PDB file of N, CA and C in Angstrom:
ATOM      1  N   MET A   1     -85.458 -71.794-125.790  1.00  0.00           N
ATOM      2  CA  MET A   1     -85.493 -71.308-124.427  1.00  0.00           C
ATOM      3  C   MET A   1     -85.214 -72.454-123.448  1.00  0.00           C
ATOM      4  N   ILE A   2     -84.507 -72.155-122.380  1.00  0.00           N
ATOM      5  CA  ILE A   2     -84.130 -73.166-121.393  1.00  0.00           C
ATOM      6  C   ILE A   2     -85.320 -73.491-120.494  1.00  0.00           C
ATOM      7  N   ASP A   3     -85.619 -74.770-120.377  1.00  0.00           N
ATOM      8  CA  ASP A   3     -86.696 -75.243-119.513  1.00  0.00           C
ATOM      9  C   ASP A   3     -86.068 -75.668-118.183  1.00  0.00           C
ATOM     10  N   VAL A   4     -86.209 -74.821-117.175  1.00  0.00           N
ATOM     11  CA  VAL A   4     -85.575 -75.068-115.875  1.00  0.00           C
ATOM     12  C   VAL A   4     -86.067 -76.371-115.260  1.00  0.00           C
ATOM     13  N   SER A   5     -87.338 -76.674-115.405  1.00  0.00           N
ATOM     14  CA  SER A   5     -87.858 -77.910-114.809  1.00  0.00           C
ATOM     15  C   SER A   5     -87.215 -79.137-115.458  1.00  0.00           C
ATOM     16  N   GLU A   6     -86.925 -79.063-116.760  1.00  0.00           N
ATOM     17  CA  GLU A   6     -86.271 -80.189-117.435  1.00  0.00           C
ATOM     18  C   GLU A   6     -84.834 -80.336-116.947  1.00  0.00           C
ATOM     19  N   ILE A   7     -84.156 -79.223-116.728  1.00  0.00           N
ATOM     20  CA  ILE A   7     -82.786 -79.264-116.202  1.00  0.00           C
ATOM     21  C   ILE A   7     -82.802 -79.869-114.800  1.00  0.00           C
ATOM     22  N   MET A   8     -83.739 -79.424-113.961  1.00  0.00           N
ATOM     23  CA  MET A   8     -83.848 -79.969-112.601  1.00  0.00           C
ATOM     24  C   MET A   8     -84.076 -81.473-112.643  1.00  0.00           C
ATOM     25  N   LYS A   9     -84.927 -81.913-113.560  1.00  0.00           N
ATOM     26  CA  LYS A   9     -85.218 -83.343-113.689  1.00  0.00           C
ATOM     27  C   LYS A   9     -83.957 -84.112-114.081  1.00  0.00           C
ATOM     28  N   LYS A  10     -83.200 -83.586-115.053  1.00  0.00           N
ATOM     29  CA  LYS A  10     -81.963 -84.241-115.498  1.00  0.00           C
ATOM     30  C   LYS A  10     -80.924 -84.270-114.379  1.00  0.00           C
ATOM     31  N   VAL A  11     -80.810 -83.177-113.621  1.00  0.00           N
ATOM     32  CA  VAL A  11     -79.872 -83.134-112.490  1.00  0.00           C
ATOM     33  C   VAL A  11     -80.253 -84.204-111.474  1.00  0.00           C
ATOM     34  N   GLY A  12     -81.539 -84.284-111.165  1.00  0.00           N
ATOM     35  CA  GLY A  12     -82.009 -85.296-110.211  1.00  0.00           C
ATOM     36  C   GLY A  12     -81.725 -86.705-110.675  1.00  0.00           C
ATOM     37  N   GLU A  13     -81.965 -86.958-111.956  1.00  0.00           N
ATOM     38  CA  GLU A  13     -81.693 -88.287-112.512  1.00  0.00           C
ATOM     39  C   GLU A  13     -80.198 -88.600-112.459  1.00  0.00           C
ATOM     40  N   GLY A  14     -79.381 -87.586-112.721  1.00  0.00           N
ATOM     41  CA  GLY A  14     -77.930 -87.783-112.669  1.00  0.00           C
ATOM     42  C   GLY A  14     -77.446 -88.102-111.264  1.00  0.00           C
ATOM     43  N   ILE A  15     -77.963 -87.368-110.293  1.00  0.00           N
ATOM     44  CA  ILE A  15     -77.584 -87.619-108.899  1.00  0.00           C
ATOM     45  C   ILE A  15     -77.978 -89.045-108.509  1.00  0.00           C
ATOM     46  N   ARG A  16     -79.204 -89.418-108.839  1.00  0.00           N
ATOM     47  CA  ARG A  16     -79.679 -90.769-108.504  1.00  0.00           C
ATOM     48  C   ARG A  16     -78.820 -91.832-109.207  1.00  0.00           C
ATOM     49  N   HIS A  17     -78.495 -91.611-110.478  1.00  0.00           N
ATOM     50  CA  HIS A  17     -77.682 -92.563-111.241  1.00  0.00           C
ATOM     51  C   HIS A  17     -76.342 -92.803-110.556  1.00  0.00           C
ATOM     52  N   TYR A  18     -75.605 -91.724-110.269  1.00  0.00           N
ATOM     53  CA  TYR A  18     -74.281 -91.876-109.671  1.00  0.00           C
ATOM     54  C   TYR A  18     -74.369 -92.417-108.242  1.00  0.00           C
ATOM     55  N   ARG A  19     -75.403 -92.024-107.492  1.00  0.00           N
ATOM     56  CA  ARG A  19     -75.563 -92.522-106.118  1.00  0.00           C
ATOM     57  C   ARG A  19     -75.798 -94.027-106.130  1.00  0.00           C
ATOM     58  N   LYS A  20     -76.722 -94.472-106.980  1.00  0.00           N
ATOM     59  CA  LYS A  20     -77.021 -95.903-107.042  1.00  0.00           C
ATOM     60  C   LYS A  20     -75.849 -96.698-107.605  1.00  0.00           C
ATOM     61  N   LYS A  21     -75.122 -96.113-108.531  1.00  0.00           N
ATOM     62  CA  LYS A  21     -73.954 -96.777-109.102  1.00  0.00           C
ATOM     63  C   LYS A  21     -72.939 -97.092-108.011  1.00  0.00           C
ATOM     64  N   ARG A  22     -72.869 -96.241-107.011  1.00  0.00           N
ATOM     65  CA  ARG A  22     -71.945 -96.463-105.905  1.00  0.00           C
ATOM     66  C   ARG A  22     -72.566 -97.307-104.790  1.00  0.00           C
ATOM     67  N   GLY A  23     -73.830 -97.661-104.961  1.00  0.00           N
ATOM     68  CA  GLY A  23     -74.498 -98.515-103.987  1.00  0.00           C
ATOM     69  C   GLY A  23     -74.880 -97.781-102.711  1.00  0.00           C
ATOM     70  N   TRP A  24     -75.045 -96.484-102.795  1.00  0.00           N
ATOM     71  CA  TRP A  24     -75.358 -95.671-101.620  1.00  0.00           C
ATOM     72  C   TRP A  24     -76.847 -95.386-101.533  1.00  0.00           C
ATOM     73  N   ASN A  25     -77.304 -95.162-100.307  1.00  0.00           N
ATOM     74  CA  ASN A  25     -78.649 -94.635-100.129  1.00  0.00           C
ATOM     75  C   ASN A  25     -78.542 -93.105-100.013  1.00  0.00           C
ATOM     76  N   GLN A  26     -79.671 -92.450 -99.944  1.00  0.00           N
ATOM     77  CA  GLN A  26     -79.674 -90.981 -99.881  1.00  0.00           C
ATOM     78  C   GLN A  26     -78.974 -90.464 -98.630  1.00  0.00           C
ATOM     79  N   GLU A  27     -79.097 -91.181 -97.540  1.00  0.00           N
ATOM     80  CA  GLU A  27     -78.470 -90.767 -96.287  1.00  0.00           C
ATOM     81  C   GLU A  27     -76.943 -90.749 -96.412  1.00  0.00           C
ATOM     82  N   GLU A  28     -76.396 -91.769 -97.055  1.00  0.00           N
ATOM     83  CA  GLU A  28     -74.941 -91.827 -97.223  1.00  0.00           C
ATOM     84  C   GLU A  28     -74.433 -90.670 -98.076  1.00  0.00           C
ATOM     85  N   LEU A  29     -75.122 -90.403 -99.180  1.00  0.00           N
ATOM     86  CA  LEU A  29     -74.715 -89.279-100.025  1.00  0.00           C
ATOM     87  C   LEU A  29     -74.863 -87.963 -99.271  1.00  0.00           C
ATOM     88  N   ALA A  30     -75.949 -87.808 -98.552  1.00  0.00           N
ATOM     89  CA  ALA A  30     -76.179 -86.577 -97.793  1.00  0.00           C
ATOM     90  C   ALA A  30     -75.055 -86.333 -96.792  1.00  0.00           C
ATOM     91  N   HIS A  31     -74.648 -87.378 -96.112  1.00  0.00           N
ATOM     92  CA  HIS A  31     -73.564 -87.254 -95.133  1.00  0.00           C
ATOM     93  C   HIS A  31     -72.276 -86.791 -95.815  1.00  0.00           C
ATOM     94  N   LEU A  32     -71.924 -87.433 -96.923  1.00  0.00           N
ATOM     95  CA  LEU A  32     -70.688 -87.093 -97.629  1.00  0.00           C
ATOM     96  C   LEU A  32     -70.730 -85.700 -98.255  1.00  0.00           C
ATOM     97  N   ALA A  33     -71.908 -85.284 -98.704  1.00  0.00           N
ATOM     98  CA  ALA A  33     -72.053 -83.971 -99.338  1.00  0.00           C
ATOM     99  C   ALA A  33     -72.378 -82.867 -98.329  1.00  0.00           C
ATOM    100  N   GLN A  34     -72.551 -83.251 -97.079  1.00  0.00           N
ATOM    101  CA  GLN A  34     -72.852 -82.303 -95.993  1.00  0.00           C
ATOM    102  C   GLN A  34     -74.157 -81.547 -96.233  1.00  0.00           C
ATOM    103  N   VAL A  35     -75.189 -82.316 -96.622  1.00  0.00           N
ATOM    104  CA  VAL A  35     -76.534 -81.769 -96.770  1.00  0.00           C
ATOM    105  C   VAL A  35     -77.494 -82.706 -96.050  1.00  0.00           C
ATOM    106  N   HIS A  36     -78.722 -82.259 -95.848  1.00  0.00           N
ATOM    107  CA  HIS A  36     -79.719 -83.087 -95.175  1.00  0.00           C
ATOM    108  C   HIS A  36     -80.217 -84.169 -96.130  1.00  0.00           C
ATOM    109  N   GLU A  37     -80.518 -85.336 -95.573  1.00  0.00           N
ATOM    110  CA  GLU A  37     -80.998 -86.470 -96.363  1.00  0.00           C
ATOM    111  C   GLU A  37     -82.230 -86.099 -97.192  1.00  0.00           C
ATOM    112  N   SER A  38     -83.170 -85.364 -96.603  1.00  0.00           N
ATOM    113  CA  SER A  38     -84.378 -84.994 -97.341  1.00  0.00           C
ATOM    114  C   SER A  38     -84.054 -84.073 -98.518  1.00  0.00           C
ATOM    115  N   TYR A  39     -82.982 -83.309 -98.396  1.00  0.00           N
ATOM    116  CA  TYR A  39     -82.558 -82.417 -99.476  1.00  0.00           C
ATOM    117  C   TYR A  39     -82.109 -83.222-100.691  1.00  0.00           C
ATOM    118  N   VAL A  40     -81.371 -84.311-100.456  1.00  0.00           N
ATOM    119  CA  VAL A  40     -80.947 -85.183-101.554  1.00  0.00           C
ATOM    120  C   VAL A  40     -82.182 -85.733-102.257  1.00  0.00           C
ATOM    121  N   GLY A  41     -83.159 -86.180-101.500  1.00  0.00           N
ATOM    122  CA  GLY A  41     -84.394 -86.698-102.087  1.00  0.00           C
ATOM    123  C   GLY A  41     -85.109 -85.655-102.922  1.00  0.00           C
ATOM    124  N   LYS A  42     -85.162 -84.432-102.417  1.00  0.00           N
ATOM    125  CA  LYS A  42     -85.819 -83.351-103.164  1.00  0.00           C
ATOM    126  C   LYS A  42     -85.061 -83.013-104.447  1.00  0.00           C
ATOM    127  N   LEU A  43     -83.725 -83.080-104.399  1.00  0.00           N
ATOM    128  CA  LEU A  43     -82.945 -82.850-105.622  1.00  0.00           C
ATOM    129  C   LEU A  43     -83.233 -83.947-106.641  1.00  0.00           C
ATOM    130  N   GLU A  44     -83.244 -85.189-106.175  1.00  0.00           N
ATOM    131  CA  GLU A  44     -83.478 -86.310-107.084  1.00  0.00           C
ATOM    132  C   GLU A  44     -84.880 -86.275-107.697  1.00  0.00           C
ATOM    133  N   ARG A  45     -85.849 -85.759-106.951  1.00  0.00           N
ATOM    134  CA  ARG A  45     -87.223 -85.672-107.463  1.00  0.00           C
ATOM    135  C   ARG A  45     -87.495 -84.344-108.178  1.00  0.00           C
ATOM    136  N   ALA A  46     -86.464 -83.538-108.355  1.00  0.00           N
ATOM    137  CA  ALA A  46     -86.566 -82.234-109.033  1.00  0.00           C
ATOM    138  C   ALA A  46     -87.514 -81.287-108.306  1.00  0.00           C
ATOM    139  N   GLU A  47     -87.515 -81.373-106.986  1.00  0.00           N
ATOM    140  CA  GLU A  47     -88.356 -80.484-106.183  1.00  0.00           C
ATOM    141  C   GLU A  47     -87.575 -79.289-105.645  1.00  0.00           C
ATOM    142  N   LYS A  48     -86.270 -79.321-105.784  1.00  0.00           N
ATOM    143  CA  LYS A  48     -85.392 -78.250-105.291  1.00  0.00           C
ATOM    144  C   LYS A  48     -84.354 -77.912-106.332  1.00  0.00           C
ATOM    145  N   VAL A  49     -83.980 -76.647-106.380  1.00  0.00           N
ATOM    146  CA  VAL A  49     -82.848 -76.194-107.188  1.00  0.00           C
ATOM    147  C   VAL A  49     -81.722 -75.934-106.207  1.00  0.00           C
ATOM    148  N   CYS A  50     -80.544 -76.450-106.497  1.00  0.00           N
ATOM    149  CA  CYS A  50     -79.441 -76.265-105.560  1.00  0.00           C
ATOM    150  C   CYS A  50     -78.468 -75.205-106.061  1.00  0.00           C
ATOM    151  N   SER A  51     -77.703 -74.675-105.145  1.00  0.00           N
ATOM    152  CA  SER A  51     -76.679 -73.689-105.485  1.00  0.00           C
ATOM    153  C   SER A  51     -75.478 -74.403-106.112  1.00  0.00           C
ATOM    154  N   VAL A  52     -74.604 -73.622-106.713  1.00  0.00           N
ATOM    155  CA  VAL A  52     -73.378 -74.183-107.287  1.00  0.00           C
ATOM    156  C   VAL A  52     -72.541 -74.811-106.175  1.00  0.00           C
ATOM    157  N   ASP A  53     -72.506 -74.193-105.017  1.00  0.00           N
ATOM    158  CA  ASP A  53     -71.745 -74.726-103.877  1.00  0.00           C
ATOM    159  C   ASP A  53     -72.235 -76.121-103.502  1.00  0.00           C
ATOM    160  N   VAL A  54     -73.528 -76.288-103.391  1.00  0.00           N
ATOM    161  CA  VAL A  54     -74.087 -77.603-103.042  1.00  0.00           C
ATOM    162  C   VAL A  54     -73.827 -78.599-104.174  1.00  0.00           C
ATOM    163  N   MET A  55     -73.971 -78.155-105.422  1.00  0.00           N
ATOM    164  CA  MET A  55     -73.723 -79.054-106.556  1.00  0.00           C
ATOM    165  C   MET A  55     -72.271 -79.519-106.558  1.00  0.00           C
ATOM    166  N   GLU A  56     -71.347 -78.637-106.229  1.00  0.00           N
ATOM    167  CA  GLU A  56     -69.931 -79.023-106.140  1.00  0.00           C
ATOM    168  C   GLU A  56     -69.721 -80.068-105.055  1.00  0.00           C
ATOM    169  N   ARG A  57     -70.385 -79.891-103.904  1.00  0.00           N
ATOM    170  CA  ARG A  57     -70.235 -80.869-102.815  1.00  0.00           C
ATOM    171  C   ARG A  57     -70.847 -82.215-103.192  1.00  0.00           C
ATOM    172  N   VAL A  58     -71.990 -82.177-103.858  1.00  0.00           N
ATOM    173  CA  VAL A  58     -72.654 -83.422-104.260  1.00  0.00           C
ATOM    174  C   VAL A  58     -71.806 -84.172-105.290  1.00  0.00           C
ATOM    175  N   THR A  59     -71.338 -83.469-106.318  1.00  0.00           N
ATOM    176  CA  THR A  59     -70.535 -84.152-107.343  1.00  0.00           C
ATOM    177  C   THR A  59     -69.212 -84.648-106.767  1.00  0.00           C
ATOM    178  N   ALA A  60     -68.610 -83.866-105.872  1.00  0.00           N
ATOM    179  CA  ALA A  60     -67.361 -84.313-105.236  1.00  0.00           C
ATOM    180  C   ALA A  60     -67.616 -85.574-104.418  1.00  0.00           C
ATOM    181  N   ALA A  61     -68.709 -85.595-103.675  1.00  0.00           N
ATOM    182  CA  ALA A  61     -69.053 -86.780-102.885  1.00  0.00           C
ATOM    183  C   ALA A  61     -69.276 -87.987-103.793  1.00  0.00           C
ATOM    184  N   LEU A  62     -69.856 -87.747-104.966  1.00  0.00           N
ATOM    185  CA  LEU A  62     -70.117 -88.830-105.918  1.00  0.00           C
ATOM    186  C   LEU A  62     -68.862 -89.248-106.674  1.00  0.00           C
ATOM    187  N   GLY A  63     -67.804 -88.462-106.537  1.00  0.00           N
ATOM    188  CA  GLY A  63     -66.541 -88.811-107.184  1.00  0.00           C
ATOM    189  C   GLY A  63     -66.466 -88.434-108.650  1.00  0.00           C
ATOM    190  N   VAL A  64     -67.257 -87.454-109.056  1.00  0.00           N
ATOM    191  CA  VAL A  64     -67.215 -86.976-110.440  1.00  0.00           C
ATOM    192  C   VAL A  64     -67.047 -85.464-110.442  1.00  0.00           C
ATOM    193  N   SER A  65     -66.411 -84.954-111.479  1.00  0.00           N
ATOM    194  CA  SER A  65     -66.306 -83.503-111.606  1.00  0.00           C
ATOM    195  C   SER A  65     -67.645 -82.967-112.096  1.00  0.00           C
ATOM    196  N   MET A  66     -67.838 -81.677-111.944  1.00  0.00           N
ATOM    197  CA  MET A  66     -69.084 -81.085-112.447  1.00  0.00           C
ATOM    198  C   MET A  66     -69.145 -81.210-113.969  1.00  0.00           C
ATOM    199  N   VAL A  67     -68.003 -81.129-114.638  1.00  0.00           N
ATOM    200  CA  VAL A  67     -67.975 -81.288-116.097  1.00  0.00           C
ATOM    201  C   VAL A  67     -68.454 -82.689-116.470  1.00  0.00           C
ATOM    202  N   GLU A  68     -67.926 -83.708-115.789  1.00  0.00           N
ATOM    203  CA  GLU A  68     -68.357 -85.085-116.056  1.00  0.00           C
ATOM    204  C   GLU A  68     -69.856 -85.240-115.798  1.00  0.00           C
ATOM    205  N   PHE A  69     -70.294 -84.692-114.665  1.00  0.00           N
ATOM    206  CA  PHE A  69     -71.704 -84.829-114.278  1.00  0.00           C
ATOM    207  C   PHE A  69     -72.609 -84.209-115.335  1.00  0.00           C
ATOM    208  N   PHE A  70     -72.325 -82.967-115.719  1.00  0.00           N
ATOM    209  CA  PHE A  70     -73.215 -82.291-116.657  1.00  0.00           C
ATOM    210  C   PHE A  70     -73.099 -82.830-118.072  1.00  0.00           C
ATOM    211  N   SER A  71     -71.971 -83.418-118.428  1.00  0.00           N
ATOM    212  CA  SER A  71     -71.899 -84.047-119.747  1.00  0.00           C
ATOM    213  C   SER A  71     -72.699 -85.353-119.734  1.00  0.00           C
ATOM    214  N   TYR A  72     -72.763 -86.019-118.570  1.00  0.00           N
ATOM    215  CA  TYR A  72     -73.574 -87.243-118.458  1.00  0.00           C
ATOM    216  C   TYR A  72     -75.055 -86.929-118.642  1.00  0.00           C
ATOM    217  N   ILE A  73     -75.509 -85.798-118.097  1.00  0.00           N
ATOM    218  CA  ILE A  73     -76.947 -85.509-118.130  1.00  0.00           C
ATOM    219  C   ILE A  73     -77.390 -84.767-119.388  1.00  0.00           C
ATOM    220  N   GLN A  74     -76.473 -84.540-120.332  1.00  0.00           N
ATOM    221  CA  GLN A  74     -76.858 -83.901-121.592  1.00  0.00           C
ATOM    222  C   GLN A  74     -77.880 -84.759-122.312  1.00  0.00           C
ATOM    223  N   PRO A  75     -78.802 -84.127-123.041  1.00  0.00           N
ATOM    224  CA  PRO A  75     -79.749 -84.913-123.848  1.00  0.00           C
ATOM    225  C   PRO A  75     -78.993 -85.802-124.826  1.00  0.00           C
ATOM    226  N   GLU A  76     -79.538 -86.961-125.138  1.00  0.00           N
ATOM    227  CA  GLU A  76     -78.877 -87.964-125.977  1.00  0.00           C
ATOM    228  C   GLU A  76     -78.325 -87.390-127.275  1.00  0.00           C
ATOM    229  N   GLY A  77     -79.087 -86.597-127.973  1.00  0.00           N
ATOM    230  CA  GLY A  77     -78.648 -86.071-129.254  1.00  0.00           C
ATOM    231  C   GLY A  77     -77.535 -85.048-129.153  1.00  0.00           C
ATOM    232  N   LYS A  78     -77.247 -84.581-127.961  1.00  0.00           N
ATOM    233  CA  LYS A  78     -76.266 -83.516-127.786  1.00  0.00           C
ATOM    234  C   LYS A  78     -75.025 -83.968-127.030  1.00  0.00           C
ATOM    235  N   LYS A  79     -74.795 -85.253-126.925  1.00  0.00           N
ATOM    236  CA  LYS A  79     -73.619 -85.759-126.222  1.00  0.00           C
ATOM    237  C   LYS A  79     -72.366 -85.290-126.935  1.00  0.00           C
ATOM    238  N   SER A  80     -71.354 -84.965-126.153  1.00  0.00           N
ATOM    239  CA  SER A  80     -70.102 -84.492-126.732  1.00  0.00           C
ATOM    240  C   SER A  80     -69.281 -85.660-127.263  1.00  0.00           C
ATOM    241  N   ALA A  81     -68.277 -85.339-128.058  1.00  0.00           N
ATOM    242  CA  ALA A  81     -67.400 -86.374-128.593  1.00  0.00           C
ATOM    243  C   ALA A  81     -66.615 -87.052-127.482  1.00  0.00           C
ATOM    244  N   GLY A  82     -66.491 -86.392-126.329  1.00  0.00           N
ATOM    245  CA  GLY A  82     -65.749 -86.953-125.215  1.00  0.00           C
ATOM    246  C   GLY A  82     -66.512 -88.006-124.440  1.00  0.00           C
ATOM    247  N   THR A  83     -67.708 -88.340-124.863  1.00  0.00           N
ATOM    248  CA  THR A  83     -68.549 -89.277-124.132  1.00  0.00           C
ATOM    249  C   THR A  83     -67.866 -90.630-123.948  1.00  0.00           C
ATOM    250  N   THR A  84     -67.206 -91.147-124.963  1.00  0.00           N
ATOM    251  CA  THR A  84     -66.527 -92.437-124.857  1.00  0.00           C
ATOM    252  C   THR A  84     -65.420 -92.367-123.816  1.00  0.00           C
ATOM    253  N   LEU A  85     -64.642 -91.309-123.861  1.00  0.00           N
ATOM    254  CA  LEU A  85     -63.574 -91.136-122.880  1.00  0.00           C
ATOM    255  C   LEU A  85     -64.155 -91.049-121.472  1.00  0.00           C
ATOM    256  N   GLU A  86     -65.251 -90.315-121.318  1.00  0.00           N
ATOM    257  CA  GLU A  86     -65.891 -90.196-120.016  1.00  0.00           C
ATOM    258  C   GLU A  86     -66.395 -91.541-119.520  1.00  0.00           C
ATOM    259  N   GLU A  87     -66.890 -92.365-120.440  1.00  0.00           N
ATOM    260  CA  GLU A  87     -67.365 -93.700-120.052  1.00  0.00           C
ATOM    261  C   GLU A  87     -66.206 -94.565-119.579  1.00  0.00           C
ATOM    262  N   ILE A  88     -65.066 -94.454-120.267  1.00  0.00           N
ATOM    263  CA  ILE A  88     -63.881 -95.213-119.859  1.00  0.00           C
ATOM    264  C   ILE A  88     -63.447 -94.788-118.464  1.00  0.00           C
ATOM    265  N   VAL A  89     -63.370 -93.485-118.241  1.00  0.00           N
ATOM    266  CA  VAL A  89     -62.969 -92.962-116.930  1.00  0.00           C
ATOM    267  C   VAL A  89     -63.945 -93.427-115.861  1.00  0.00           C
ATOM    268  N   ASP A  90     -65.233 -93.377-116.181  1.00  0.00           N
ATOM    269  CA  ASP A  90     -66.251 -93.783-115.214  1.00  0.00           C
ATOM    270  C   ASP A  90     -66.113 -95.261-114.851  1.00  0.00           C
ATOM    271  N   ARG A  91     -65.799 -96.091-115.834  1.00  0.00           N
ATOM    272  CA  ARG A  91     -65.638 -97.520-115.564  1.00  0.00           C
ATOM    273  C   ARG A  91     -64.387 -97.814-114.741  1.00  0.00           C
ATOM    274  N   LEU A  92     -63.363 -96.985-114.893  1.00  0.00           N
ATOM    275  CA  LEU A  92     -62.119 -97.203-114.145  1.00  0.00           C
ATOM    276  C   LEU A  92     -62.188 -96.653-112.722  1.00  0.00           C
ATOM    277  N   ARG A  93     -63.085 -95.720-112.506  1.00  0.00           N
ATOM    278  CA  ARG A  93     -63.208 -95.116-111.185  1.00  0.00           C
ATOM    279  C   ARG A  93     -63.574 -96.201-110.165  1.00  0.00           C
ATOM    280  N   GLY A  94     -62.880 -96.212-109.080  1.00  0.00           N
ATOM    281  CA  GLY A  94     -63.152 -97.188-108.039  1.00  0.00           C
ATOM    282  C   GLY A  94     -62.394 -98.495-108.217  1.00  0.00           C
ATOM    283  N   ARG A  95     -61.687 -98.650-109.334  1.00  0.00           N
ATOM    284  CA  ARG A  95     -60.866 -99.845-109.541  1.00  0.00           C
ATOM    285  C   ARG A  95     -59.518 -99.634-108.856  1.00  0.00           C
ATOM    286  N   SER A  96     -58.857-100.707-108.562  1.00  0.00           N
ATOM    287  CA  SER A  96     -57.561-100.610-107.892  1.00  0.00           C
ATOM    288  C   SER A  96     -56.531 -99.984-108.826  1.00  0.00           C
ATOM    289  N   GLU A  97     -55.461 -99.478-108.235  1.00  0.00           N
ATOM    290  CA  GLU A  97     -54.362 -98.902-109.017  1.00  0.00           C
ATOM    291  C   GLU A  97     -53.789 -99.954-109.966  1.00  0.00           C
ATOM    292  N   GLU A  98     -53.691-101.182-109.498  1.00  0.00           N
ATOM    293  CA  GLU A  98     -53.161-102.274-110.326  1.00  0.00           C
ATOM    294  C   GLU A  98     -54.044-102.517-111.551  1.00  0.00           C
ATOM    295  N   GLU A  99     -55.361-102.548-111.346  1.00  0.00           N
ATOM    296  CA  GLU A  99     -56.275-102.747-112.470  1.00  0.00           C
ATOM    297  C   GLU A  99     -56.170-101.593-113.468  1.00  0.00           C
ATOM    298  N   GLN A 100     -56.060-100.379-112.952  1.00  0.00           N
ATOM    299  CA  GLN A 100     -55.937 -99.215-113.828  1.00  0.00           C
ATOM    300  C   GLN A 100     -54.654 -99.279-114.651  1.00  0.00           C
ATOM    301  N   ARG A 101     -53.567 -99.725-114.029  1.00  0.00           N
ATOM    302  CA  ARG A 101     -52.290 -99.844-114.753  1.00  0.00           C
ATOM    303  C   ARG A 101     -52.374-100.915-115.847  1.00  0.00           C
ATOM    304  N   ARG A 102     -53.073-102.029-115.560  1.00  0.00           N
ATOM    305  CA  ARG A 102     -53.237-103.085-116.575  1.00  0.00           C
ATOM    306  C   ARG A 102     -54.021-102.549-117.776  1.00  0.00           C
ATOM    307  N   VAL A 103     -55.068-101.786-117.501  1.00  0.00           N
ATOM    308  CA  VAL A 103     -55.856-101.196-118.590  1.00  0.00           C
ATOM    309  C   VAL A 103     -54.994-100.234-119.393  1.00  0.00           C
ATOM    310  N   LEU A 104     -54.169 -99.443-118.714  1.00  0.00           N
ATOM    311  CA  LEU A 104     -53.275 -98.511-119.395  1.00  0.00           C
ATOM    312  C   LEU A 104     -52.303 -99.257-120.310  1.00  0.00           C
ATOM    313  N   LYS A 105     -51.797-100.402-119.858  1.00  0.00           N
ATOM    314  CA  LYS A 105     -50.892-101.206-120.694  1.00  0.00           C
ATOM    315  C   LYS A 105     -51.605-101.706-121.942  1.00  0.00           C
ATOM    316  N   VAL A 106     -52.860-102.107-121.788  1.00  0.00           N
ATOM    317  CA  VAL A 106     -53.637-102.570-122.943  1.00  0.00           C
ATOM    318  C   VAL A 106     -53.837-101.408-123.926  1.00  0.00           C
ATOM    319  N   ILE A 107     -54.171-100.248-123.417  1.00  0.00           N
ATOM    320  CA  ILE A 107     -54.349 -99.070-124.271  1.00  0.00           C
ATOM    321  C   ILE A 107     -53.050 -98.748-124.997  1.00  0.00           C
ATOM    322  N   ASP A 108     -51.937 -98.763-124.264  1.00  0.00           N
ATOM    323  CA  ASP A 108     -50.630 -98.507-124.887  1.00  0.00           C
ATOM    324  C   ASP A 108     -50.341 -99.517-125.997  1.00  0.00           C
ATOM    325  N   ALA A 109     -50.631-100.792-125.749  1.00  0.00           N
ATOM    326  CA  ALA A 109     -50.377-101.834-126.746  1.00  0.00           C
ATOM    327  C   ALA A 109     -51.223-101.604-127.997  1.00  0.00           C
ATOM    328  N   VAL A 110     -52.481-101.244-127.803  1.00  0.00           N
ATOM    329  CA  VAL A 110     -53.360-100.987-128.946  1.00  0.00           C
ATOM    330  C   VAL A 110     -52.867 -99.780-129.724  1.00  0.00           C
ATOM    331  N   LEU A 111     -52.512 -98.717-129.039  1.00  0.00           N
ATOM    332  CA  LEU A 111     -52.040 -97.511-129.718  1.00  0.00           C
ATOM    333  C   LEU A 111     -50.695 -97.742-130.402  1.00  0.00           C
ATOM    334  N   ASP A 112     -49.797 -98.475-129.753  1.00  0.00           N
ATOM    335  CA  ASP A 112     -48.502 -98.790-130.374  1.00  0.00           C
ATOM    336  C   ASP A 112     -48.701 -99.608-131.646  1.00  0.00           C
ATOM    337  N   ASP A 113     -49.638-100.554-131.616  1.00  0.00           N
ATOM    338  CA  ASP A 113     -49.931-101.386-132.771  1.00  0.00           C
ATOM    339  C   ASP A 113     -50.475-100.535-133.920  1.00  0.00           C
ATOM    340  N   LYS A 114     -51.282 -99.536-133.601  1.00  0.00           N
ATOM    341  CA  LYS A 114     -51.867 -98.658-134.624  1.00  0.00           C
ATOM    342  C   LYS A 114     -50.793 -97.814-135.305  1.00  0.00           C
ATOM    343  N   LEU A 115     -49.723 -97.486-134.574  1.00  0.00           N
ATOM    344  CA  LEU A 115     -48.665 -96.642-135.115  1.00  0.00           C
ATOM    345  C   LEU A 115     -47.740 -97.395-136.060  1.00  0.00           C
ATOM    346  N   LYS A 116     -47.774 -98.714-136.039  1.00  0.00           N
ATOM    347  CA  LYS A 116     -46.867 -99.525-136.876  1.00  0.00           C
ATOM    348  C   LYS A 116     -47.405 -99.707-138.263  1.00  0.00           C
TER     349      LYS A 116
END
């Protein structure tokens, strides 16, 4: 059976994780997601359940898709095989286009070497 309070807790932890990763305070995220600052705090503390509309605005403000967000908050034993790819994408997010292209060249070189 689904434990709603556990889901709320994981959602709150995920929001806090991505917010802090970007170096933002709750006010900054609230502004970008078009919600009240206290609402962000309540989400992070698992005191509020948000609508899908609000969750879409929050994840968009954080720069992650809802799929990325919810795969991040999955319990450890249930992580998908795409977790490594998601980690790579997460590390590249916010990097310059030039840095991303250099990483792509390294990936291409590794894959080309594997094909030989």
